[in-house]
């Protein structure tokens, strides 16, 4: 008679058919994590560079517009020579002014980075722009409109 083979006792340890898929799954998860992290960090670097460029551009614009300085940046007439009955534009720009007056006063003026008012003088006239800051300091500029 044949002897019945005795079944082998189970081996202690982890079944390799379970370990291999777990290792593959973990390696895949690590790879995906690395890809996501590298894309996230490169996006953050690009955003930081864009923010820095915007800050530098804004600082240049701020300085061009007078920055913290109180001053009359521009005051001119365009055109500066007109015929009797024609009009011209008096244009001005001020930085950090609290109030602005124009004499002789053609109409309402106010502090602005760039503003033009229309005037029609009957004779050659000198206009004076006076800007006042919050401390009460004043600055003036003049422009002459020639009327022929």
N, C-alpha and C. Protein backbone atom coordinates (compact mmCIF):
# COMPACT_ATOMS: atom_id res chain seq x y z
N UNK A 1 0.80 -1.14 0.00
CA UNK A 1 0.00 0.00 0.00
C UNK A 1 0.86 1.24 0.00
N UNK A 2 0.36 2.12 -0.62
CA UNK A 2 1.09 3.36 -0.70
C UNK A 2 0.85 4.15 0.57
N UNK A 3 1.85 4.77 0.95
CA UNK A 3 1.68 5.56 2.17
C UNK A 3 1.20 6.97 1.80
N UNK A 4 0.34 7.39 2.60
CA UNK A 4 -0.15 8.76 2.37
C UNK A 4 0.95 9.74 2.70
N UNK A 5 1.18 10.65 1.74
CA UNK A 5 2.20 11.64 2.08
C UNK A 5 1.67 12.59 3.15
N UNK A 6 2.48 12.90 3.97
CA UNK A 6 2.10 13.82 5.04
C UNK A 6 2.17 15.25 4.50
N UNK A 7 1.11 15.96 4.74
CA UNK A 7 1.17 17.34 4.25
C UNK A 7 2.26 18.11 4.96
N UNK A 8 2.88 18.99 4.18
CA UNK A 8 3.94 19.81 4.77
C UNK A 8 3.32 20.83 5.71
N UNK A 9 3.97 21.04 6.78
CA UNK A 9 3.45 22.07 7.68
C UNK A 9 3.65 23.44 7.04
N UNK A 10 2.75 24.40 7.27
CA UNK A 10 2.91 25.73 6.67
C UNK A 10 4.22 26.36 7.12
N UNK A 11 4.84 27.06 6.16
CA UNK A 11 6.10 27.73 6.46
C UNK A 11 5.82 29.03 7.21
N UNK A 12 6.64 29.30 8.15
CA UNK A 12 6.45 30.57 8.85
C UNK A 12 6.93 31.71 7.94
N UNK A 13 6.33 32.91 8.07
CA UNK A 13 6.74 34.06 7.29
C UNK A 13 5.62 34.57 6.40
N UNK A 14 5.97 35.49 5.55
CA UNK A 14 4.99 36.13 4.68
C UNK A 14 5.01 35.44 3.33
N UNK A 15 3.84 35.31 2.78
CA UNK A 15 3.69 34.68 1.48
C UNK A 15 4.24 35.62 0.40
N UNK A 16 5.17 35.15 -0.46
CA UNK A 16 5.75 36.02 -1.48
C UNK A 16 4.71 36.52 -2.49
N UNK A 17 3.61 35.79 -2.65
CA UNK A 17 2.57 36.25 -3.58
C UNK A 17 1.83 37.48 -3.05
N UNK A 18 1.98 37.76 -1.77
CA UNK A 18 1.39 38.95 -1.17
C UNK A 18 2.42 40.08 -1.10
N UNK A 19 3.67 39.74 -0.83
CA UNK A 19 4.72 40.73 -0.65
C UNK A 19 5.03 41.47 -1.95
N UNK A 20 5.14 40.77 -3.05
CA UNK A 20 5.54 41.40 -4.33
C UNK A 20 4.54 42.47 -4.75
N UNK A 21 3.23 42.22 -4.76
CA UNK A 21 2.31 43.29 -5.15
C UNK A 21 2.34 44.48 -4.20
N UNK A 22 2.54 44.22 -2.91
CA UNK A 22 2.61 45.32 -1.95
C UNK A 22 3.83 46.19 -2.23
N UNK A 23 4.98 45.57 -2.49
CA UNK A 23 6.20 46.31 -2.79
C UNK A 23 6.03 47.12 -4.07
N UNK A 24 5.45 46.50 -5.11
CA UNK A 24 5.22 47.22 -6.38
C UNK A 24 4.29 48.40 -6.15
N UNK A 25 3.24 48.20 -5.37
CA UNK A 25 2.29 49.27 -5.08
C UNK A 25 2.96 50.40 -4.32
N UNK A 26 3.78 50.07 -3.31
CA UNK A 26 4.50 51.10 -2.56
C UNK A 26 5.48 51.87 -3.45
N UNK A 27 6.22 51.17 -4.30
CA UNK A 27 7.14 51.86 -5.21
C UNK A 27 6.39 52.79 -6.16
N UNK A 28 5.24 52.34 -6.65
CA UNK A 28 4.43 53.19 -7.53
C UNK A 28 3.92 54.41 -6.79
N UNK A 29 3.50 54.25 -5.55
CA UNK A 29 3.02 55.39 -4.76
C UNK A 29 4.15 56.37 -4.49
N UNK A 30 5.34 55.88 -4.20
CA UNK A 30 6.49 56.76 -3.97
C UNK A 30 6.81 57.53 -5.25
N UNK A 31 6.80 56.86 -6.40
CA UNK A 31 7.08 57.52 -7.67
C UNK A 31 6.05 58.63 -7.94
N UNK A 32 4.78 58.34 -7.78
CA UNK A 32 3.73 59.34 -7.99
C UNK A 32 3.91 60.51 -7.02
N UNK A 33 4.25 60.22 -5.77
CA UNK A 33 4.49 61.28 -4.79
C UNK A 33 5.65 62.19 -5.20
N UNK A 34 6.73 61.59 -5.70
CA UNK A 34 7.88 62.37 -6.14
C UNK A 34 7.50 63.25 -7.32
N UNK A 35 6.75 62.71 -8.29
CA UNK A 35 6.32 63.50 -9.45
C UNK A 35 5.46 64.68 -9.00
N UNK A 36 4.47 64.44 -8.14
CA UNK A 36 3.61 65.52 -7.67
C UNK A 36 4.40 66.57 -6.90
N UNK A 37 5.32 66.14 -6.04
CA UNK A 37 6.12 67.08 -5.27
C UNK A 37 7.00 67.94 -6.19
N UNK A 38 7.65 67.31 -7.17
CA UNK A 38 8.52 68.08 -8.07
C UNK A 38 7.72 69.09 -8.88
N UNK A 39 6.53 68.72 -9.33
CA UNK A 39 5.69 69.67 -10.07
C UNK A 39 5.21 70.78 -9.15
N UNK A 40 4.84 70.46 -7.93
CA UNK A 40 4.39 71.46 -6.97
C UNK A 40 5.52 72.46 -6.68
N UNK A 41 6.73 71.93 -6.44
CA UNK A 41 7.84 72.83 -6.10
C UNK A 41 8.25 73.69 -7.29
N UNK A 42 8.20 73.15 -8.50
CA UNK A 42 8.55 73.99 -9.66
C UNK A 42 7.47 75.05 -9.90
N UNK A 43 6.21 74.72 -9.65
CA UNK A 43 5.15 75.72 -9.76
C UNK A 43 5.34 76.82 -8.72
N UNK A 44 5.70 76.46 -7.50
CA UNK A 44 5.96 77.46 -6.46
C UNK A 44 7.13 78.35 -6.85
N UNK A 45 8.17 77.79 -7.45
CA UNK A 45 9.32 78.60 -7.87
C UNK A 45 8.92 79.58 -8.96
N UNK A 46 8.11 79.14 -9.91
CA UNK A 46 7.65 80.02 -10.98
C UNK A 46 6.77 81.13 -10.40
N UNK A 47 5.87 80.79 -9.47
CA UNK A 47 5.01 81.79 -8.85
C UNK A 47 5.84 82.80 -8.04
N UNK A 48 6.85 82.34 -7.34
CA UNK A 48 7.71 83.24 -6.56
C UNK A 48 8.47 84.19 -7.48
N UNK A 49 8.96 83.67 -8.60
CA UNK A 49 9.68 84.52 -9.56
C UNK A 49 8.73 85.55 -10.17
N UNK A 50 7.51 85.16 -10.50
CA UNK A 50 6.53 86.09 -11.05
C UNK A 50 6.16 87.15 -10.03
N UNK A 51 6.01 86.77 -8.78
CA UNK A 51 5.68 87.74 -7.72
C UNK A 51 6.83 88.73 -7.53
N UNK A 52 8.05 88.25 -7.59
CA UNK A 52 9.21 89.12 -7.44
C UNK A 52 9.29 90.10 -8.61
N UNK A 53 9.06 89.62 -9.82
CA UNK A 53 9.05 90.49 -11.00
C UNK A 53 7.97 91.55 -10.87
N UNK A 54 6.78 91.16 -10.40
CA UNK A 54 5.68 92.12 -10.22
C UNK A 54 6.04 93.16 -9.16
N UNK A 55 6.67 92.74 -8.06
CA UNK A 55 7.09 93.69 -7.03
C UNK A 55 8.09 94.70 -7.57
N UNK A 56 9.06 94.23 -8.36
CA UNK A 56 10.04 95.14 -8.94
C UNK A 56 9.39 96.12 -9.91
N UNK A 57 8.46 95.62 -10.74
CA UNK A 57 7.74 96.50 -11.67
C UNK A 57 6.91 97.53 -10.91
N UNK A 58 6.22 97.09 -9.85
CA UNK A 58 5.41 98.01 -9.06
C UNK A 58 6.27 99.06 -8.37
N UNK A 59 7.45 98.68 -7.90
CA UNK A 59 8.35 99.64 -7.26
C UNK A 59 8.82 100.69 -8.26
N UNK A 60 9.11 100.28 -9.49
CA UNK A 60 9.52 101.24 -10.52
C UNK A 60 8.38 102.20 -10.85
N UNK A 61 7.17 101.67 -10.97
CA UNK A 61 6.00 102.53 -11.26
C UNK A 61 5.77 103.49 -10.10
N UNK A 62 5.88 102.99 -8.89
CA UNK A 62 5.68 103.83 -7.70
C UNK A 62 6.69 104.98 -7.68
N UNK A 63 7.94 104.67 -7.97
CA UNK A 63 8.96 105.72 -8.00
C UNK A 63 8.72 106.69 -9.15
N UNK A 64 8.30 106.18 -10.31
CA UNK A 64 8.02 107.06 -11.45
C UNK A 64 6.85 107.99 -11.16
N UNK A 65 5.93 107.55 -10.31
CA UNK A 65 4.78 108.37 -9.96
C UNK A 65 5.06 109.28 -8.77
N UNK A 66 6.31 109.37 -8.37
CA UNK A 66 6.67 110.29 -7.29
C UNK A 66 7.05 109.61 -6.00
N UNK A 67 6.71 108.36 -5.84
CA UNK A 67 7.06 107.64 -4.62
C UNK A 67 6.56 108.35 -3.39
N UNK A 68 7.43 108.54 -2.42
CA UNK A 68 7.08 109.25 -1.19
C UNK A 68 7.33 110.75 -1.30
N UNK A 69 7.87 111.18 -2.43
CA UNK A 69 8.20 112.60 -2.59
C UNK A 69 6.95 113.42 -2.87
N UNK A 70 6.93 114.62 -2.36
CA UNK A 70 5.88 115.59 -2.68
C UNK A 70 6.47 116.50 -3.74
N UNK A 71 5.87 116.46 -4.93
CA UNK A 71 6.37 117.34 -5.98
C UNK A 71 5.37 117.46 -7.12
N UNK A 72 5.58 118.50 -7.91
CA UNK A 72 4.84 118.68 -9.14
C UNK A 72 5.66 117.98 -10.21
N UNK A 73 5.11 116.93 -10.78
CA UNK A 73 5.86 116.14 -11.75
C UNK A 73 5.85 116.79 -13.13
N UNK A 74 4.70 117.36 -13.54
CA UNK A 74 4.57 118.00 -14.84
C UNK A 74 3.58 119.14 -14.75
N UNK A 75 3.80 120.17 -15.56
CA UNK A 75 2.82 121.23 -15.75
C UNK A 75 3.15 121.87 -17.09
N UNK A 76 2.23 121.72 -18.06
CA UNK A 76 2.49 122.23 -19.40
C UNK A 76 1.18 122.56 -20.09
N UNK A 77 1.29 123.35 -21.16
CA UNK A 77 0.13 123.69 -21.99
C UNK A 77 0.32 123.03 -23.35
N UNK A 78 -0.76 122.44 -23.86
CA UNK A 78 -0.67 121.81 -25.18
C UNK A 78 -1.87 122.20 -26.00
N UNK A 79 -1.73 122.91 -27.06
CA UNK A 79 -0.52 123.55 -27.54
C UNK A 79 -0.21 124.81 -26.72
N UNK A 80 1.01 125.24 -26.74
CA UNK A 80 1.44 126.40 -25.96
C UNK A 80 1.18 127.73 -26.65
N UNK A 81 0.93 127.67 -27.95
CA UNK A 81 0.63 128.88 -28.73
C UNK A 81 -0.70 128.63 -29.43
N UNK A 82 -1.65 129.56 -29.23
CA UNK A 82 -2.97 129.41 -29.85
C UNK A 82 -3.41 130.72 -30.51
N UNK A 83 -4.42 130.65 -31.33
CA UNK A 83 -5.05 131.82 -31.93
C UNK A 83 -6.16 132.28 -30.99
N UNK A 84 -6.47 133.58 -31.03
CA UNK A 84 -7.53 134.13 -30.20
C UNK A 84 -8.84 133.37 -30.48
N UNK A 85 -9.53 132.92 -29.42
CA UNK A 85 -10.77 132.17 -29.55
C UNK A 85 -10.58 130.65 -29.50
N UNK A 86 -9.35 130.20 -29.72
CA UNK A 86 -9.08 128.76 -29.63
C UNK A 86 -8.88 128.36 -28.17
N UNK A 87 -8.84 127.05 -27.91
CA UNK A 87 -8.59 126.58 -26.54
C UNK A 87 -7.32 125.73 -26.52
N UNK A 88 -6.79 125.58 -25.34
CA UNK A 88 -5.61 124.75 -25.11
C UNK A 88 -5.84 123.93 -23.85
N UNK A 89 -5.03 122.94 -23.66
CA UNK A 89 -5.13 122.10 -22.45
C UNK A 89 -3.96 122.41 -21.53
N UNK A 90 -4.29 122.68 -20.29
CA UNK A 90 -3.28 122.79 -19.25
C UNK A 90 -3.23 121.44 -18.55
N UNK A 91 -2.10 120.79 -18.64
CA UNK A 91 -1.96 119.44 -18.08
C UNK A 91 -0.96 119.47 -16.92
N UNK A 92 -1.29 118.73 -15.88
CA UNK A 92 -0.40 118.67 -14.72
C UNK A 92 -0.45 117.28 -14.11
N UNK A 93 0.58 116.98 -13.36
CA UNK A 93 0.60 115.77 -12.54
C UNK A 93 1.38 116.09 -11.27
N UNK A 94 0.86 115.63 -10.15
CA UNK A 94 1.47 115.87 -8.85
C UNK A 94 1.56 114.55 -8.09
N UNK A 95 2.49 114.49 -7.17
CA UNK A 95 2.58 113.31 -6.31
C UNK A 95 2.49 113.75 -4.86
N UNK A 96 1.68 113.01 -4.11
CA UNK A 96 1.50 113.20 -2.67
C UNK A 96 1.02 114.60 -2.31
N UNK A 97 0.18 115.18 -3.14
CA UNK A 97 -0.41 116.48 -2.85
C UNK A 97 -1.78 116.29 -2.23
N UNK A 98 -2.11 117.18 -1.29
CA UNK A 98 -3.43 117.13 -0.67
C UNK A 98 -4.40 118.02 -1.43
N UNK A 99 -3.91 119.13 -1.96
CA UNK A 99 -4.76 120.03 -2.73
C UNK A 99 -3.95 120.68 -3.84
N UNK A 100 -4.68 121.12 -4.88
CA UNK A 100 -4.06 121.77 -6.03
C UNK A 100 -4.93 122.96 -6.42
N UNK A 101 -4.28 124.08 -6.69
CA UNK A 101 -5.01 125.24 -7.20
C UNK A 101 -4.35 125.73 -8.47
N UNK A 102 -5.16 126.32 -9.33
CA UNK A 102 -4.66 126.83 -10.61
C UNK A 102 -5.16 128.26 -10.74
N UNK A 103 -4.25 129.20 -10.95
CA UNK A 103 -4.59 130.62 -11.09
C UNK A 103 -4.13 131.12 -12.45
N UNK A 104 -4.87 131.90 -13.17
CA UNK A 104 -6.28 132.17 -12.92
C UNK A 104 -7.07 130.89 -13.10
N UNK A 105 -8.05 130.68 -12.23
CA UNK A 105 -8.76 129.40 -12.14
C UNK A 105 -9.74 129.22 -13.30
N UNK A 106 -9.47 128.23 -14.17
CA UNK A 106 -10.40 127.99 -15.28
C UNK A 106 -11.63 127.20 -14.83
N UNK A 107 -11.45 126.22 -14.00
CA UNK A 107 -12.52 125.42 -13.41
C UNK A 107 -11.92 124.54 -12.33
N UNK A 108 -12.68 123.65 -11.75
CA UNK A 108 -12.21 122.86 -10.61
C UNK A 108 -11.01 121.99 -10.97
N UNK A 109 -10.04 121.97 -10.09
CA UNK A 109 -8.87 121.10 -10.23
C UNK A 109 -8.70 120.33 -8.92
N UNK A 110 -8.03 119.21 -9.00
CA UNK A 110 -7.78 118.40 -7.81
C UNK A 110 -6.49 117.61 -8.01
N UNK A 111 -5.92 117.10 -6.91
CA UNK A 111 -4.68 116.34 -7.05
C UNK A 111 -4.89 115.12 -7.94
N UNK A 112 -3.98 114.93 -8.86
CA UNK A 112 -4.08 113.78 -9.77
C UNK A 112 -2.70 113.48 -10.32
N UNK A 113 -2.50 112.21 -10.65
CA UNK A 113 -1.22 111.87 -11.28
C UNK A 113 -1.14 112.52 -12.65
N UNK A 114 -2.24 112.54 -13.38
CA UNK A 114 -2.26 113.19 -14.70
C UNK A 114 -3.65 113.73 -14.93
N UNK A 115 -3.75 115.02 -15.18
CA UNK A 115 -5.05 115.65 -15.43
C UNK A 115 -4.83 116.83 -16.35
N UNK A 116 -5.79 117.06 -17.24
CA UNK A 116 -5.76 118.20 -18.14
C UNK A 116 -7.07 118.97 -18.01
N UNK A 117 -6.98 120.29 -18.04
CA UNK A 117 -8.16 121.15 -18.06
C UNK A 117 -8.07 122.04 -19.29
N UNK A 118 -9.22 122.34 -19.86
CA UNK A 118 -9.26 123.15 -21.07
C UNK A 118 -9.45 124.62 -20.69
N UNK A 119 -8.67 125.49 -21.34
CA UNK A 119 -8.78 126.94 -21.12
C UNK A 119 -8.81 127.64 -22.47
N UNK A 120 -9.45 128.82 -22.50
CA UNK A 120 -9.51 129.65 -23.71
C UNK A 120 -9.19 131.09 -23.34
N UNK A 121 -7.90 131.38 -23.12
CA UNK A 121 -7.56 132.76 -22.74
C UNK A 121 -7.74 133.72 -23.92
N UNK A 122 -8.10 134.96 -23.61
CA UNK A 122 -8.30 135.98 -24.65
C UNK A 122 -6.99 136.70 -24.99
N UNK A 123 -6.01 136.62 -24.07
CA UNK A 123 -4.69 137.23 -24.29
C UNK A 123 -3.64 136.30 -23.70
N UNK A 124 -2.38 136.59 -23.99
CA UNK A 124 -1.29 135.78 -23.44
C UNK A 124 -1.40 135.78 -21.92
N UNK A 125 -1.41 134.56 -21.34
CA UNK A 125 -1.66 134.40 -19.90
C UNK A 125 -0.65 133.44 -19.31
N UNK A 126 -0.18 133.78 -18.11
CA UNK A 126 0.68 132.88 -17.34
C UNK A 126 -0.18 132.22 -16.27
N UNK A 127 -0.20 130.89 -16.28
CA UNK A 127 -0.95 130.11 -15.30
C UNK A 127 0.01 129.59 -14.24
N UNK A 128 -0.45 129.62 -12.99
CA UNK A 128 0.36 129.15 -11.86
C UNK A 128 -0.36 127.98 -11.19
N UNK A 129 0.35 126.89 -11.07
CA UNK A 129 -0.16 125.70 -10.38
C UNK A 129 0.49 125.67 -9.01
N UNK A 130 -0.33 125.57 -7.96
CA UNK A 130 0.17 125.48 -6.59
C UNK A 130 -0.34 124.18 -5.97
N UNK A 131 0.58 123.38 -5.51
CA UNK A 131 0.24 122.11 -4.86
C UNK A 131 0.62 122.20 -3.39
N UNK A 132 -0.25 121.66 -2.53
CA UNK A 132 -0.02 121.66 -1.09
C UNK A 132 -0.09 120.23 -0.59
N UNK A 133 0.88 119.86 0.28
CA UNK A 133 0.84 118.50 0.82
C UNK A 133 0.15 118.48 2.17
N UNK A 134 0.12 117.32 2.82
CA UNK A 134 -0.59 117.15 4.09
C UNK A 134 0.04 117.96 5.22
N UNK A 135 1.34 118.28 5.13
CA UNK A 135 2.02 119.06 6.16
C UNK A 135 1.82 120.55 5.98
N UNK A 136 1.27 120.95 4.83
CA UNK A 136 1.08 122.37 4.55
C UNK A 136 2.18 122.96 3.68
N UNK A 137 3.15 122.16 3.28
CA UNK A 137 4.20 122.65 2.38
C UNK A 137 3.60 122.87 0.99
N UNK A 138 4.12 123.88 0.29
CA UNK A 138 3.60 124.17 -1.05
C UNK A 138 4.72 124.17 -2.08
N UNK A 139 4.33 123.87 -3.31
CA UNK A 139 5.24 123.96 -4.46
C UNK A 139 4.44 124.59 -5.59
N UNK A 140 5.13 125.37 -6.41
CA UNK A 140 4.45 126.03 -7.52
C UNK A 140 5.20 125.80 -8.82
N UNK A 141 4.45 125.90 -9.90
CA UNK A 141 5.02 125.84 -11.24
C UNK A 141 4.18 126.76 -12.12
N UNK A 142 4.80 127.31 -13.15
CA UNK A 142 4.08 128.21 -14.04
C UNK A 142 4.24 127.76 -15.49
N UNK A 143 3.25 128.15 -16.31
CA UNK A 143 3.32 127.91 -17.74
C UNK A 143 2.62 129.09 -18.41
N UNK A 144 3.14 129.48 -19.56
CA UNK A 144 2.56 130.60 -20.29
C UNK A 144 1.90 130.11 -21.57
N UNK A 145 0.70 130.61 -21.83
CA UNK A 145 -0.02 130.31 -23.05
C UNK A 145 0.01 131.57 -23.90
N UNK A 146 0.65 131.50 -25.08
CA UNK A 146 0.74 132.64 -25.99
C UNK A 146 -0.49 132.68 -26.87
N UNK A 147 -1.15 133.84 -26.91
CA UNK A 147 -2.33 134.01 -27.74
C UNK A 147 -1.96 135.00 -28.84
N UNK A 148 -2.16 134.63 -30.10
CA UNK A 148 -1.86 135.51 -31.24
C UNK A 148 -3.12 135.98 -31.90
